[in-house]
Amino acid sequence: MNKKIFFFLSLLILLYLAVWPRQYEVPSFIERPGTQYWDLSTGSKIGYTLIHPISDANKFPIIYLHGGPGGIIKNEIVEKWKPLAEAGYPIYFYDQVGSGHSNRLEDIKEYTVARHQKDLAEIIAKIGSEKVILLGHSWGATLAMNYVQEQKEKVERIILTGPGPILPWNSSSNQLLPPDSLHLKKPKFSNKEANDKVYNLHSKLMTLCANKLGIKLASDKTADDFFTQLNTALNKSTSCDGSNSKSYPGGSGYYAHLRTVKSFQEEKNQKSKLKELPIPTLILRGQCDNQPWGFTQEYLQLLPNVQLEILENTGHGLQEVDRAYLNKLVLDFLE
């Protein structure tokens, strides 16, 4: 075959693989009944669920910060923490911009840590409480730390589950080993196994264009459906042995995930502020959490008023923990 023809055909095949719309057999996004919306001055339209307290105890509201970035508020998360409302705490569950019930941005370069932080600040202002309690999971813990560095006077207490890194991310923390006394274990499955299984040429090119050029090679729906498939595979690594792995619900935001992670290193180092942070902080970490121990260790080293609880026989998602026990730990800390 003529070399020019071969090159031309190869280029056509590559372009076909890159731009032809993909369809993923994943659950469709389902709007949660009772969802309300905030229109923020940042341009974010944020969907949220409010669980009202059963009693009029006049307690500070809890704001749940989901993981990801680009994650969603799953129904099981709402159910997991509902007992806190029964104890008198209003709970706000909101999908961060770019995922779930919230709007997608045309310019994906606008997905940054700073944007999420501004959204959170305005949400707290809209709630109108003198103070709030932040409950952050994984990346949500990272967002909570960024917020309190600037506005600690608005936060009464902090609960963090499976915390992600404090920014800017110190990659050396990935190599730190936990004390033997904690009896931590590695989960049976790793994130690498999921990534190797799910990524294809199209998704790799989609990722490359988003990260390097800040453009959408695929539609938001295609990108989000791919992310749902990826999260279903990644679910195996969030428990000790993967046995509780379930199909991930639709609605996660892939471009919000990529570009927010890309902005991690753009954050200025304000970690010294955390050394003087008076806010009581509770860290809950699964025995088989797949997040590097170094992330948790940095919280313990920086925060002066922090306590750590290791939850046995569960991983990053805390799926296996008895809800009554989990909520008792948190309520004991709050009250």
C-alpha atoms as a PDB file:
ATOM      1  CA  MET A   1       0.000   0.000   0.000  1.00  0.00           C
ATOM      2  CA  ASN A   2       1.202   3.491  -0.828  1.00  0.00           C
ATOM      3  CA  LYS A   3       2.681   5.159   2.286  1.00  0.00           C
ATOM      4  CA  LYS A   4       0.622   8.320   1.774  1.00  0.00           C
ATOM      5  CA  ILE A   5      -2.581   6.315   1.522  1.00  0.00           C
ATOM      6  CA  PHE A   6      -1.628   4.296   4.596  1.00  0.00           C
ATOM      7  CA  PHE A   7      -0.919   7.496   6.555  1.00  0.00           C
ATOM      8  CA  PHE A   8      -4.196   9.057   5.391  1.00  0.00           C
ATOM      9  CA  LEU A   9      -6.227   5.988   6.355  1.00  0.00           C
ATOM     10  CA  SER A  10      -4.487   5.797   9.734  1.00  0.00           C
ATOM     11  CA  LEU A  11      -5.290   9.450  10.339  1.00  0.00           C
ATOM     12  CA  LEU A  12      -8.933   8.887   9.440  1.00  0.00           C
ATOM     13  CA  ILE A  13      -9.166   5.937  11.810  1.00  0.00           C
ATOM     14  CA  LEU A  14      -7.572   7.981  14.588  1.00  0.00           C
ATOM     15  CA  LEU A  15      -9.981  10.869  14.019  1.00  0.00           C
ATOM     16  CA  TYR A  16     -12.897   8.447  13.953  1.00  0.00           C
ATOM     17  CA  LEU A  17     -11.841   6.927  17.261  1.00  0.00           C
ATOM     18  CA  ALA A  18     -11.295  10.373  18.726  1.00  0.00           C
ATOM     19  CA  VAL A  19     -14.445  12.262  17.771  1.00  0.00           C
ATOM     20  CA  TRP A  20     -17.135   9.700  16.991  1.00  0.00           C
ATOM     21  CA  PRO A  21     -19.724   9.891  19.797  1.00  0.00           C
ATOM     22  CA  ARG A  22     -19.507   7.064  22.297  1.00  0.00           C
ATOM     23  CA  GLN A  23     -22.378   5.472  24.131  1.00  0.00           C
ATOM     24  CA  TYR A  24     -21.912   3.902  27.531  1.00  0.00           C
ATOM     25  CA  GLU A  25     -24.347   1.444  29.054  1.00  0.00           C
ATOM     26  CA  VAL A  26     -24.608   3.186  32.408  1.00  0.00           C
ATOM     27  CA  PRO A  27     -27.492   4.317  34.644  1.00  0.00           C
ATOM     28  CA  SER A  28     -29.118   7.566  33.582  1.00  0.00           C
ATOM     29  CA  PHE A  29     -29.071  10.511  35.935  1.00  0.00           C
ATOM     30  CA  ILE A  30     -32.269  10.659  38.000  1.00  0.00           C
ATOM     31  CA  GLU A  31     -33.344  13.900  39.631  1.00  0.00           C
ATOM     32  CA  ARG A  32     -33.940  13.529  43.357  1.00  0.00           C
ATOM     33  CA  PRO A  33     -37.509  14.496  44.357  1.00  0.00           C
ATOM     34  CA  GLY A  34     -37.594  17.707  46.372  1.00  0.00           C
ATOM     35  CA  THR A  35     -34.380  19.105  44.871  1.00  0.00           C
ATOM     36  CA  GLN A  36     -34.059  22.874  45.277  1.00  0.00           C
ATOM     37  CA  TYR A  37     -31.702  25.289  43.515  1.00  0.00           C
ATOM     38  CA  TRP A  38     -29.448  28.204  44.316  1.00  0.00           C
ATOM     39  CA  ASP A  39     -28.477  30.662  41.554  1.00  0.00           C
ATOM     40  CA  LEU A  40     -25.090  32.010  42.619  1.00  0.00           C
ATOM     41  CA  SER A  41     -23.394  35.211  41.499  1.00  0.00           C
ATOM     42  CA  THR A  42     -20.468  33.060  40.311  1.00  0.00           C
ATOM     43  CA  GLY A  43     -22.690  31.731  37.515  1.00  0.00           C
ATOM     44  CA  SER A  44     -23.214  28.380  39.204  1.00  0.00           C
ATOM     45  CA  LYS A  45     -26.714  26.935  39.467  1.00  0.00           C
ATOM     46  CA  ILE A  46     -26.469  24.540  42.385  1.00  0.00           C
ATOM     47  CA  GLY A  47     -28.936  21.742  43.073  1.00  0.00           C
ATOM     48  CA  TYR A  48     -29.321  20.720  46.701  1.00  0.00           C
ATOM     49  CA  THR A  49     -31.355  18.604  49.086  1.00  0.00           C
ATOM     50  CA  LEU A  50     -32.219  19.938  52.539  1.00  0.00           C
ATOM     51  CA  ILE A  51     -33.046  17.490  55.312  1.00  0.00           C
ATOM     52  CA  HIS A  52     -34.952  19.421  57.949  1.00  0.00           C
ATOM     53  CA  PRO A  53     -34.368  18.625  61.613  1.00  0.00           C
ATOM     54  CA  ILE A  54     -37.160  16.748  63.341  1.00  0.00           C
ATOM     55  CA  SER A  55     -36.990  19.013  66.377  1.00  0.00           C
ATOM     56  CA  ASP A  56     -36.574  22.771  66.580  1.00  0.00           C
ATOM     57  CA  ALA A  57     -33.279  22.516  68.448  1.00  0.00           C
ATOM     58  CA  ASN A  58     -31.772  25.610  66.780  1.00  0.00           C
ATOM     59  CA  LYS A  59     -28.501  23.810  66.034  1.00  0.00           C
ATOM     60  CA  PHE A  60     -25.937  24.932  63.469  1.00  0.00           C
ATOM     61  CA  PRO A  61     -26.612  23.448  60.010  1.00  0.00           C
ATOM     62  CA  ILE A  62     -24.372  20.778  58.513  1.00  0.00           C
ATOM     63  CA  ILE A  63     -23.132  21.177  54.936  1.00  0.00           C
ATOM     64  CA  TYR A  64     -22.032  17.955  53.250  1.00  0.00           C
ATOM     65  CA  LEU A  65     -19.159  18.324  50.760  1.00  0.00           C
ATOM     66  CA  HIS A  66     -19.035  15.331  48.414  1.00  0.00           C
ATOM     67  CA  GLY A  67     -15.927  13.725  46.988  1.00  0.00           C
ATOM     68  CA  GLY A  68     -14.515  13.624  43.490  1.00  0.00           C
ATOM     69  CA  PRO A  69     -13.976  16.296  42.334  1.00  0.00           C
ATOM     70  CA  GLY A  70     -16.936  15.797  40.043  1.00  0.00           C
ATOM     71  CA  GLY A  71     -18.762  13.444  42.383  1.00  0.00           C
ATOM     72  CA  ILE A  72     -22.448  13.620  43.253  1.00  0.00           C
ATOM     73  CA  ILE A  73     -24.749  13.386  46.222  1.00  0.00           C
ATOM     74  CA  LYS A  74     -25.896   9.776  46.080  1.00  0.00           C
ATOM     75  CA  ASN A  75     -29.146   8.731  47.735  1.00  0.00           C
ATOM     76  CA  GLU A  76     -27.248   6.399  50.037  1.00  0.00           C
ATOM     77  CA  ILE A  77     -25.224   9.383  51.328  1.00  0.00           C
ATOM     78  CA  VAL A  78     -28.419  11.223  52.242  1.00  0.00           C
ATOM     79  CA  GLU A  79     -29.738   8.134  54.021  1.00  0.00           C
ATOM     80  CA  LYS A  80     -26.436   7.541  55.820  1.00  0.00           C
ATOM     81  CA  TRP A  81     -26.451  10.944  57.499  1.00  0.00           C
ATOM     82  CA  LYS A  82     -30.210  11.450  58.051  1.00  0.00           C
ATOM     83  CA  PRO A  83     -29.957  10.507  61.759  1.00  0.00           C
ATOM     84  CA  LEU A  84     -28.052  13.752  62.311  1.00  0.00           C
ATOM     85  CA  ALA A  85     -31.227  15.604  61.285  1.00  0.00           C
ATOM     86  CA  GLU A  86     -33.171  13.472  63.746  1.00  0.00           C
ATOM     87  CA  ALA A  87     -30.781  14.822  66.390  1.00  0.00           C
ATOM     88  CA  GLY A  88     -31.715  18.387  65.473  1.00  0.00           C
ATOM     89  CA  TYR A  89     -29.200  19.359  62.773  1.00  0.00           C
ATOM     90  CA  PRO A  90     -30.414  20.709  59.405  1.00  0.00           C
ATOM     91  CA  ILE A  91     -28.318  19.053  56.664  1.00  0.00           C
ATOM     92  CA  TYR A  92     -27.608  20.534  53.241  1.00  0.00           C
ATOM     93  CA  PHE A  93     -26.449  18.128  50.527  1.00  0.00           C
ATOM     94  CA  TYR A  94     -25.409  19.957  47.352  1.00  0.00           C
ATOM     95  CA  ASP A  95     -23.913  18.858  44.054  1.00  0.00           C
ATOM     96  CA  GLN A  96     -20.899  20.973  43.219  1.00  0.00           C
ATOM     97  CA  VAL A  97     -20.898  22.881  39.931  1.00  0.00           C
ATOM     98  CA  GLY A  98     -20.328  20.579  36.967  1.00  0.00           C
ATOM     99  CA  SER A  99     -21.991  17.496  38.428  1.00  0.00           C
ATOM    100  CA  GLY A 100     -25.286  16.013  39.533  1.00  0.00           C
ATOM    101  CA  HIS A 101     -28.191  18.472  39.666  1.00  0.00           C
ATOM    102  CA  SER A 102     -25.901  21.475  39.158  1.00  0.00           C
ATOM    103  CA  ASN A 103     -25.096  23.170  35.849  1.00  0.00           C
ATOM    104  CA  ARG A 104     -22.217  22.309  33.518  1.00  0.00           C
ATOM    105  CA  LEU A 105     -19.901  25.125  32.431  1.00  0.00           C
ATOM    106  CA  GLU A 106     -19.275  25.888  28.771  1.00  0.00           C
ATOM    107  CA  ASP A 107     -15.681  26.902  29.465  1.00  0.00           C
ATOM    108  CA  ILE A 108     -14.256  23.936  31.329  1.00  0.00           C
ATOM    109  CA  LYS A 109     -11.188  25.965  32.338  1.00  0.00           C
ATOM    110  CA  GLU A 110     -13.497  27.616  34.894  1.00  0.00           C
ATOM    111  CA  TYR A 111     -13.606  24.414  36.954  1.00  0.00           C
ATOM    112  CA  THR A 112     -11.041  25.218  39.639  1.00  0.00           C
ATOM    113  CA  VAL A 113     -10.588  24.818  43.373  1.00  0.00           C
ATOM    114  CA  ALA A 114     -11.050  28.596  43.669  1.00  0.00           C
ATOM    115  CA  ARG A 115     -14.429  28.404  41.880  1.00  0.00           C
ATOM    116  CA  HIS A 116     -15.681  25.664  44.210  1.00  0.00           C
ATOM    117  CA  GLN A 117     -14.456  27.650  47.208  1.00  0.00           C
ATOM    118  CA  LYS A 118     -16.310  30.787  46.051  1.00  0.00           C
ATOM    119  CA  ASP A 119     -19.458  28.725  45.509  1.00  0.00           C
ATOM    120  CA  LEU A 120     -19.205  27.303  49.033  1.00  0.00           C
ATOM    121  CA  ALA A 121     -18.704  30.764  50.541  1.00  0.00           C
ATOM    122  CA  GLU A 122     -21.819  32.073  48.782  1.00  0.00           C
ATOM    123  CA  ILE A 123     -23.852  29.003  49.758  1.00  0.00           C
ATOM    124  CA  ILE A 124     -22.957  29.568  53.412  1.00  0.00           C
ATOM    125  CA  ALA A 125     -23.994  33.203  53.051  1.00  0.00           C
ATOM    126  CA  LYS A 126     -27.332  32.134  51.506  1.00  0.00           C
ATOM    127  CA  ILE A 127     -28.026  29.690  54.341  1.00  0.00           C
ATOM    128  CA  GLY A 128     -27.657  32.646  56.666  1.00  0.00           C
ATOM    129  CA  SER A 129     -26.553  30.835  59.823  1.00  0.00           C
ATOM    130  CA  GLU A 130     -24.057  32.463  62.177  1.00  0.00           C
ATOM    131  CA  LYS A 131     -21.890  29.357  61.798  1.00  0.00           C
ATOM    132  CA  VAL A 132     -22.020  26.018  59.983  1.00  0.00           C
ATOM    133  CA  ILE A 133     -20.585  22.538  60.443  1.00  0.00           C
ATOM    134  CA  LEU A 134     -18.645  21.144  57.473  1.00  0.00           C
ATOM    135  CA  LEU A 135     -18.841  17.404  56.745  1.00  0.00           C
ATOM    136  CA  GLY A 136     -16.407  16.663  53.928  1.00  0.00           C
ATOM    137  CA  HIS A 137     -15.615  13.361  52.235  1.00  0.00           C
ATOM    138  CA  SER A 138     -12.360  12.785  50.311  1.00  0.00           C
ATOM    139  CA  TRP A 139     -11.965  15.811  47.990  1.00  0.00           C
ATOM    140  CA  GLY A 140     -14.714  17.423  50.098  1.00  0.00           C
ATOM    141  CA  ALA A 141     -12.243  17.449  53.008  1.00  0.00           C
ATOM    142  CA  THR A 142      -9.736  19.241  50.777  1.00  0.00           C
ATOM    143  CA  LEU A 143     -12.360  21.856  49.911  1.00  0.00           C
ATOM    144  CA  ALA A 144     -13.244  22.294  53.595  1.00  0.00           C
ATOM    145  CA  MET A 145      -9.604  22.985  54.470  1.00  0.00           C
ATOM    146  CA  ASN A 146      -9.305  25.542  51.698  1.00  0.00           C
ATOM    147  CA  TYR A 147     -12.414  27.317  52.930  1.00  0.00           C
ATOM    148  CA  VAL A 148     -11.442  27.520  56.616  1.00  0.00           C
ATOM    149  CA  GLN A 149      -8.044  28.956  55.747  1.00  0.00           C
ATOM    150  CA  GLU A 150      -9.932  32.052  54.585  1.00  0.00           C
ATOM    151  CA  GLN A 151     -13.132  32.083  56.673  1.00  0.00           C
ATOM    152  CA  LYS A 152     -12.617  30.093  59.843  1.00  0.00           C
ATOM    153  CA  GLU A 153     -14.995  32.355  61.789  1.00  0.00           C
ATOM    154  CA  LYS A 154     -17.956  30.843  59.904  1.00  0.00           C
ATOM    155  CA  VAL A 155     -17.245  27.226  60.899  1.00  0.00           C
ATOM    156  CA  GLU A 156     -18.184  25.686  64.246  1.00  0.00           C
ATOM    157  CA  ARG A 157     -16.844  22.140  63.739  1.00  0.00           C
ATOM    158  CA  ILE A 158     -15.417  19.954  60.974  1.00  0.00           C
ATOM    159  CA  ILE A 159     -15.942  16.240  60.269  1.00  0.00           C
ATOM    160  CA  LEU A 160     -13.769  14.648  57.581  1.00  0.00           C
ATOM    161  CA  THR A 161     -14.138  11.127  56.172  1.00  0.00           C
ATOM    162  CA  GLY A 162     -11.340   9.543  54.118  1.00  0.00           C
ATOM    163  CA  PRO A 163      -9.704  12.970  53.651  1.00  0.00           C
ATOM    164  CA  GLY A 164      -7.968  13.936  50.434  1.00  0.00           C
ATOM    165  CA  PRO A 165      -4.797  16.063  50.366  1.00  0.00           C
ATOM    166  CA  ILE A 166      -4.354  19.508  51.851  1.00  0.00           C
ATOM    167  CA  LEU A 167      -3.381  21.818  48.995  1.00  0.00           C
ATOM    168  CA  PRO A 168      -0.971  22.329  47.433  1.00  0.00           C
ATOM    169  CA  TRP A 169      -0.544  18.579  47.158  1.00  0.00           C
ATOM    170  CA  ASN A 170       2.801  17.365  48.458  1.00  0.00           C
ATOM    171  CA  SER A 171       3.484  14.266  46.336  1.00  0.00           C
ATOM    172  CA  SER A 172       6.007  12.956  48.870  1.00  0.00           C
ATOM    173  CA  SER A 173       3.082  12.291  51.226  1.00  0.00           C
ATOM    174  CA  ASN A 174       2.085   9.410  48.944  1.00  0.00           C
ATOM    175  CA  GLN A 175       5.087   7.429  50.172  1.00  0.00           C
ATOM    176  CA  LEU A 176       4.590   7.828  53.926  1.00  0.00           C
ATOM    177  CA  LEU A 177       3.761   4.648  55.838  1.00  0.00           C
ATOM    178  CA  PRO A 178       1.238   4.511  58.700  1.00  0.00           C
ATOM    179  CA  PRO A 179       2.224   3.429  62.219  1.00  0.00           C
ATOM    180  CA  ASP A 180       1.933  -0.330  62.711  1.00  0.00           C
ATOM    181  CA  SER A 181      -0.203   0.335  65.792  1.00  0.00           C
ATOM    182  CA  LEU A 182      -3.107   1.481  63.573  1.00  0.00           C
ATOM    183  CA  HIS A 183      -3.296  -1.914  61.795  1.00  0.00           C
ATOM    184  CA  LEU A 184      -4.230  -0.351  58.473  1.00  0.00           C
ATOM    185  CA  LYS A 185      -4.596  -2.612  55.428  1.00  0.00           C
ATOM    186  CA  LYS A 186      -4.502  -2.144  51.677  1.00  0.00           C
ATOM    187  CA  PRO A 187      -7.755  -2.808  49.813  1.00  0.00           C
ATOM    188  CA  LYS A 188      -7.815  -5.864  47.562  1.00  0.00           C
ATOM    189  CA  PHE A 189      -8.370  -3.773  44.420  1.00  0.00           C
ATOM    190  CA  SER A 190      -6.490  -0.656  43.302  1.00  0.00           C
ATOM    191  CA  ASN A 191      -7.512   2.412  41.310  1.00  0.00           C
ATOM    192  CA  LYS A 192      -4.901   1.478  38.700  1.00  0.00           C
ATOM    193  CA  GLU A 193      -6.726  -1.748  37.892  1.00  0.00           C
ATOM    194  CA  ALA A 194      -9.932   0.196  37.245  1.00  0.00           C
ATOM    195  CA  ASN A 195      -8.183   2.813  35.105  1.00  0.00           C
ATOM    196  CA  ASP A 196      -6.434   0.170  33.009  1.00  0.00           C
ATOM    197  CA  LYS A 197      -9.742  -1.625  32.456  1.00  0.00           C
ATOM    198  CA  VAL A 198     -11.925   1.352  31.493  1.00  0.00           C
ATOM    199  CA  TYR A 199      -9.795   3.869  29.607  1.00  0.00           C
ATOM    200  CA  ASN A 200      -9.734   3.529  25.803  1.00  0.00           C
ATOM    201  CA  LEU A 201      -8.238   5.654  23.030  1.00  0.00           C
ATOM    202  CA  HIS A 202     -11.304   7.896  22.825  1.00  0.00           C
ATOM    203  CA  SER A 203     -11.399   8.595  26.563  1.00  0.00           C
ATOM    204  CA  LYS A 204      -7.638   9.156  26.669  1.00  0.00           C
ATOM    205  CA  LEU A 205      -7.865  11.723  23.863  1.00  0.00           C
ATOM    206  CA  MET A 206     -10.887  13.317  25.538  1.00  0.00           C
ATOM    207  CA  THR A 207      -8.865  13.602  28.752  1.00  0.00           C
ATOM    208  CA  LEU A 208      -5.813  14.959  26.955  1.00  0.00           C
ATOM    209  CA  CYS A 209      -7.792  17.683  25.150  1.00  0.00           C
ATOM    210  CA  ALA A 210      -9.522  18.719  28.376  1.00  0.00           C
ATOM    211  CA  ASN A 211      -6.324  18.868  30.412  1.00  0.00           C
ATOM    212  CA  LYS A 212      -3.910  20.326  27.871  1.00  0.00           C
ATOM    213  CA  LEU A 213      -6.175  22.481  25.712  1.00  0.00           C
ATOM    214  CA  GLY A 214      -9.164  23.126  27.961  1.00  0.00           C
ATOM    215  CA  ILE A 215     -11.624  21.995  25.294  1.00  0.00           C
ATOM    216  CA  LYS A 216     -14.399  19.413  25.126  1.00  0.00           C
ATOM    217  CA  LEU A 217     -13.674  16.668  22.621  1.00  0.00           C
ATOM    218  CA  ALA A 218     -16.934  14.998  23.652  1.00  0.00           C
ATOM    219  CA  SER A 219     -20.223  16.351  24.958  1.00  0.00           C
ATOM    220  CA  ASP A 220     -20.824  16.744  28.692  1.00  0.00           C
ATOM    221  CA  LYS A 221     -23.200  13.779  28.592  1.00  0.00           C
ATOM    222  CA  THR A 222     -20.675  11.499  26.882  1.00  0.00           C
ATOM    223  CA  ALA A 223     -17.914  12.574  29.252  1.00  0.00           C
ATOM    224  CA  ASP A 224     -20.161  12.142  32.288  1.00  0.00           C
ATOM    225  CA  ASP A 225     -21.376   8.714  31.156  1.00  0.00           C
ATOM    226  CA  PHE A 226     -17.765   7.619  30.744  1.00  0.00           C
ATOM    227  CA  PHE A 227     -17.055   8.891  34.267  1.00  0.00           C
ATOM    228  CA  THR A 228     -19.995   6.862  35.587  1.00  0.00           C
ATOM    229  CA  GLN A 229     -18.504   3.743  34.021  1.00  0.00           C
ATOM    230  CA  LEU A 230     -15.099   4.584  35.477  1.00  0.00           C
ATOM    231  CA  ASN A 231     -16.534   5.232  38.947  1.00  0.00           C
ATOM    232  CA  THR A 232     -18.319   1.885  38.882  1.00  0.00           C
ATOM    233  CA  ALA A 233     -14.947   0.212  38.310  1.00  0.00           C
ATOM    234  CA  LEU A 234     -13.247   2.407  40.924  1.00  0.00           C
ATOM    235  CA  ASN A 235     -15.907   1.447  43.479  1.00  0.00           C
ATOM    236  CA  LYS A 236     -14.122  -1.867  43.996  1.00  0.00           C
ATOM    237  CA  SER A 237     -11.169  -0.085  45.569  1.00  0.00           C
ATOM    238  CA  THR A 238     -13.306   1.826  48.100  1.00  0.00           C
ATOM    239  CA  SER A 239     -13.928  -1.204  50.323  1.00  0.00           C
ATOM    240  CA  CYS A 240     -11.610  -3.819  51.793  1.00  0.00           C
ATOM    241  CA  ASP A 241     -12.325  -6.635  49.343  1.00  0.00           C
ATOM    242  CA  GLY A 242     -14.620  -5.088  46.718  1.00  0.00           C
ATOM    243  CA  SER A 243     -17.527  -7.291  47.718  1.00  0.00           C
ATOM    244  CA  ASN A 244     -19.829  -4.323  48.361  1.00  0.00           C
ATOM    245  CA  SER A 245     -19.108  -2.756  44.982  1.00  0.00           C
ATOM    246  CA  LYS A 246     -22.233  -1.442  43.245  1.00  0.00           C
ATOM    247  CA  SER A 247     -23.085   0.198  39.949  1.00  0.00           C
ATOM    248  CA  TYR A 248     -22.409   3.920  40.288  1.00  0.00           C
ATOM    249  CA  PRO A 249     -25.423   6.204  39.681  1.00  0.00           C
ATOM    250  CA  GLY A 250     -25.341   8.565  36.709  1.00  0.00           C
ATOM    251  CA  GLY A 251     -24.591  12.258  36.971  1.00  0.00           C
ATOM    252  CA  SER A 252     -20.916  12.588  37.893  1.00  0.00           C
ATOM    253  CA  GLY A 253     -19.067  15.426  36.142  1.00  0.00           C
ATOM    254  CA  TYR A 254     -15.919  14.343  34.280  1.00  0.00           C
ATOM    255  CA  TYR A 255     -14.769  17.751  33.065  1.00  0.00           C
ATOM    256  CA  ALA A 256     -15.306  19.202  36.553  1.00  0.00           C
ATOM    257  CA  HIS A 257     -13.171  16.362  37.859  1.00  0.00           C
ATOM    258  CA  LEU A 258     -10.306  16.792  35.402  1.00  0.00           C
ATOM    259  CA  ARG A 259      -9.972  20.555  35.498  1.00  0.00           C
ATOM    260  CA  THR A 260     -10.411  20.872  39.272  1.00  0.00           C
ATOM    261  CA  VAL A 261      -7.659  18.315  39.881  1.00  0.00           C
ATOM    262  CA  LYS A 262      -5.494  20.167  37.359  1.00  0.00           C
ATOM    263  CA  SER A 263      -5.893  23.338  39.451  1.00  0.00           C
ATOM    264  CA  PHE A 264      -4.654  21.687  42.665  1.00  0.00           C
ATOM    265  CA  GLN A 265      -1.105  22.972  42.205  1.00  0.00           C
ATOM    266  CA  GLU A 266      -2.324  26.500  41.439  1.00  0.00           C
ATOM    267  CA  GLU A 267      -3.348  26.940  45.079  1.00  0.00           C
ATOM    268  CA  LYS A 268      -0.994  29.016  47.204  1.00  0.00           C
ATOM    269  CA  ASN A 269       0.469  27.404  50.294  1.00  0.00           C
ATOM    270  CA  GLN A 270      -1.433  28.603  53.358  1.00  0.00           C
ATOM    271  CA  LYS A 271      -0.905  25.523  55.488  1.00  0.00           C
ATOM    272  CA  SER A 272       0.685  27.586  58.265  1.00  0.00           C
ATOM    273  CA  LYS A 273      -2.780  29.070  58.935  1.00  0.00           C
ATOM    274  CA  LEU A 274      -4.057  25.622  59.870  1.00  0.00           C
ATOM    275  CA  LYS A 275      -1.583  25.370  62.755  1.00  0.00           C
ATOM    276  CA  GLU A 276      -3.559  28.059  64.566  1.00  0.00           C
ATOM    277  CA  LEU A 277      -7.009  26.771  63.621  1.00  0.00           C
ATOM    278  CA  PRO A 278      -9.073  26.410  66.818  1.00  0.00           C
ATOM    279  CA  ILE A 279     -11.962  24.527  65.183  1.00  0.00           C
ATOM    280  CA  PRO A 280     -12.504  21.019  66.634  1.00  0.00           C
ATOM    281  CA  THR A 281     -11.999  18.485  63.843  1.00  0.00           C
ATOM    282  CA  LEU A 282     -12.889  14.790  63.670  1.00  0.00           C
ATOM    283  CA  ILE A 283     -11.259  12.517  61.074  1.00  0.00           C
ATOM    284  CA  LEU A 284     -12.903   9.176  60.264  1.00  0.00           C
ATOM    285  CA  ARG A 285     -10.743   6.853  58.192  1.00  0.00           C
ATOM    286  CA  GLY A 286     -11.489   3.313  57.082  1.00  0.00           C
ATOM    287  CA  GLN A 287      -8.981   0.621  57.945  1.00  0.00           C
ATOM    288  CA  CYS A 288      -8.640  -0.202  54.217  1.00  0.00           C
ATOM    289  CA  ASP A 289      -8.816   3.364  52.866  1.00  0.00           C
ATOM    290  CA  ASN A 290      -7.036   3.579  49.510  1.00  0.00           C
ATOM    291  CA  GLN A 291      -6.038   7.218  50.047  1.00  0.00           C
ATOM    292  CA  PRO A 292      -2.352   7.619  51.014  1.00  0.00           C
ATOM    293  CA  TRP A 293      -1.774   7.649  54.762  1.00  0.00           C
ATOM    294  CA  GLY A 294       0.331  10.781  54.249  1.00  0.00           C
ATOM    295  CA  PHE A 295      -2.829  12.784  53.539  1.00  0.00           C
ATOM    296  CA  THR A 296      -4.260  11.963  56.961  1.00  0.00           C
ATOM    297  CA  GLN A 297      -0.906  12.420  58.671  1.00  0.00           C
ATOM    298  CA  GLU A 298      -0.652  16.000  57.398  1.00  0.00           C
ATOM    299  CA  TYR A 299      -4.014  16.852  58.968  1.00  0.00           C
ATOM    300  CA  LEU A 300      -2.826  15.376  62.264  1.00  0.00           C
ATOM    301  CA  GLN A 301       0.405  17.346  62.112  1.00  0.00           C
ATOM    302  CA  LEU A 302      -1.138  20.691  61.156  1.00  0.00           C
ATOM    303  CA  LEU A 303      -4.433  20.869  63.036  1.00  0.00           C
ATOM    304  CA  PRO A 304      -4.066  21.593  66.770  1.00  0.00           C
ATOM    305  CA  ASN A 305      -7.555  20.402  67.754  1.00  0.00           C
ATOM    306  CA  VAL A 306      -8.023  17.141  65.851  1.00  0.00           C
ATOM    307  CA  GLN A 307      -8.966  13.576  66.712  1.00  0.00           C
ATOM    308  CA  LEU A 308      -8.693  10.455  64.559  1.00  0.00           C
ATOM    309  CA  GLU A 309     -10.951   7.405  64.533  1.00  0.00           C
ATOM    310  CA  ILE A 310      -9.975   4.317  62.516  1.00  0.00           C
ATOM    311  CA  LEU A 311     -13.042   2.324  61.471  1.00  0.00           C
ATOM    312  CA  GLU A 312     -12.295  -1.375  61.147  1.00  0.00           C
ATOM    313  CA  ASN A 313     -13.087  -3.589  58.149  1.00  0.00           C
ATOM    314  CA  THR A 314     -14.128  -0.789  55.829  1.00  0.00           C
ATOM    315  CA  GLY A 315     -12.491   1.286  53.128  1.00  0.00           C
ATOM    316  CA  HIS A 316     -12.636   4.757  51.630  1.00  0.00           C
ATOM    317  CA  GLY A 317     -16.409   4.743  51.155  1.00  0.00           C
ATOM    318  CA  LEU A 318     -17.211   3.551  54.711  1.00  0.00           C
ATOM    319  CA  GLN A 319     -19.954   1.363  53.160  1.00  0.00           C
ATOM    320  CA  GLU A 320     -19.571  -1.446  55.685  1.00  0.00           C
ATOM    321  CA  VAL A 321     -19.820   0.705  58.821  1.00  0.00           C
ATOM    322  CA  ASP A 322     -22.996   0.346  60.870  1.00  0.00           C
ATOM    323  CA  ARG A 323     -24.902   3.618  60.415  1.00  0.00           C
ATOM    324  CA  ALA A 324     -25.978   3.812  64.033  1.00  0.00           C
ATOM    325  CA  TYR A 325     -22.365   3.470  65.162  1.00  0.00           C
ATOM    326  CA  LEU A 326     -21.146   5.999  62.589  1.00  0.00           C
ATOM    327  CA  ASN A 327     -23.721   8.593  63.583  1.00  0.00           C
ATOM    328  CA  LYS A 328     -23.036   8.018  67.283  1.00  0.00           C
ATOM    329  CA  LEU A 329     -19.350   8.803  66.699  1.00  0.00           C
ATOM    330  CA  VAL A 330     -20.264  12.038  64.969  1.00  0.00           C
ATOM    331  CA  LEU A 331     -22.961  13.057  67.462  1.00  0.00           C
ATOM    332  CA  ASP A 332     -20.641  12.390  70.399  1.00  0.00           C
ATOM    333  CA  PHE A 333     -18.129  14.698  68.717  1.00  0.00           C
ATOM    334  CA  LEU A 334     -20.722  17.393  67.970  1.00  0.00           C
ATOM    335  CA  GLU A 335     -22.456  17.371  71.329  1.00  0.00           C
END
